[in-house]
Protein backbone atom coordinates (compact mmCIF):
# COMPACT_ATOMS: atom_id res chain seq x y z
CA MET A 1 -41.37 -25.97 54.42
CA LEU A 2 -39.04 -24.38 51.83
CA LEU A 3 -37.60 -25.84 48.92
CA VAL A 4 -35.00 -23.69 46.92
CA ALA A 5 -33.90 -24.53 43.43
CA PRO A 6 -32.04 -22.74 40.62
CA GLY A 7 -34.19 -20.10 39.06
CA GLN A 8 -33.83 -21.49 35.72
CA GLY A 9 -34.75 -24.86 36.69
CA GLY A 10 -38.22 -26.38 35.77
CA ASP A 11 -40.89 -27.33 38.18
CA ALA A 12 -41.36 -31.06 37.00
CA PRO A 13 -37.77 -32.11 38.55
CA MET A 14 -38.34 -30.60 41.81
CA PHE A 15 -41.88 -31.56 42.24
CA PRO A 16 -41.13 -35.39 43.50
CA HIS A 17 -38.85 -33.80 45.94
CA LEU A 18 -41.49 -31.39 47.06
CA MET A 19 -44.11 -34.29 47.48
CA GLU A 20 -41.86 -36.42 49.63
CA GLN A 21 -41.51 -33.58 52.19
CA LEU A 22 -45.34 -32.96 52.26
CA LYS A 23 -47.21 -33.35 55.58
CA ILE A 24 -50.85 -32.85 55.90
CA ASN A 25 -51.69 -32.48 59.68
CA ARG A 26 -55.00 -34.68 60.58
CA ALA A 27 -58.10 -32.92 62.34
CA GLY A 28 -57.75 -35.31 65.45
CA PRO A 29 -54.76 -37.52 66.94
CA GLY A 30 -52.37 -39.49 64.48
CA ARG A 31 -49.54 -39.06 62.33
CA PRO A 32 -49.56 -36.51 59.47
CA ARG A 33 -50.97 -37.68 56.08
CA THR A 34 -48.14 -37.99 53.36
CA ARG A 35 -50.67 -38.13 50.33
CA PRO A 36 -53.19 -35.38 49.40
CA ASP A 37 -56.41 -36.09 47.89
CA ARG A 38 -55.71 -33.59 45.22
CA VAL A 39 -53.00 -31.11 44.03
CA ARG A 40 -54.03 -27.67 42.46
CA GLY A 41 -51.59 -25.80 40.23
CA ASP A 42 -51.08 -23.56 37.42
CA LYS A 43 -49.85 -24.53 33.78
CA ALA A 44 -46.39 -25.14 34.95
CA TYR A 45 -47.59 -28.21 36.95
CA SER A 46 -49.50 -29.84 33.84
CA SER A 47 -46.31 -31.51 32.52
CA LYS A 48 -46.67 -35.15 31.56
CA ALA A 49 -43.97 -35.90 34.40
CA ILE A 50 -45.92 -34.32 37.18
CA ARG A 51 -49.28 -35.83 36.16
CA THR A 52 -47.61 -39.29 36.00
CA HIS A 53 -46.22 -38.94 39.33
CA LEU A 54 -49.61 -37.96 41.02
CA ARG A 55 -51.53 -40.65 38.94
CA ASP A 56 -49.31 -43.15 40.09
CA ARG A 57 -49.90 -41.98 43.83
CA GLY A 58 -53.59 -41.83 43.44
CA VAL A 59 -53.65 -38.03 43.82
CA VAL A 60 -56.00 -36.25 41.63
CA ALA A 61 -54.52 -33.34 39.43
CA GLU A 62 -56.30 -30.20 39.25
CA THR A 63 -54.14 -28.12 36.59
CA ARG A 64 -54.90 -26.10 33.63
CA SER A 65 -53.71 -28.01 30.74
CA ARG A 66 -51.52 -26.64 27.93
CA PRO A 67 -52.74 -26.35 24.37
CA VAL A 68 -51.49 -29.15 22.28
CA ARG A 69 -48.66 -27.54 20.26
CA ARG A 70 -48.57 -28.59 16.56
CA LYS A 71 -45.91 -27.85 14.11
CA LEU A 72 -47.19 -25.31 11.59
CA PRO A 73 -46.72 -26.40 8.17
CA GLN A 74 -43.99 -24.58 6.45
CA PRO A 75 -44.85 -22.40 3.18
CA PRO A 76 -43.63 -23.65 -0.13
CA PRO A 77 -40.24 -22.25 -1.21
CA LEU A 78 -40.69 -19.25 -3.85
């Protein structure tokens, strides 16, 4: 399967479309599965939207989480 998106577009908006097209062949007869047991991805796939989408479908997300971004305190004015 090939899914083409704008180069500047993020991964999170395209992820549900990718999951809709996913087909996993079974070892024996029967229709292909449409829900994987788990999804593995890099840091780009650790967004809250993607993790929520997977959790709602009962899929385990194996992604590297991003560090929590904190706003650094500003130094006092001179």
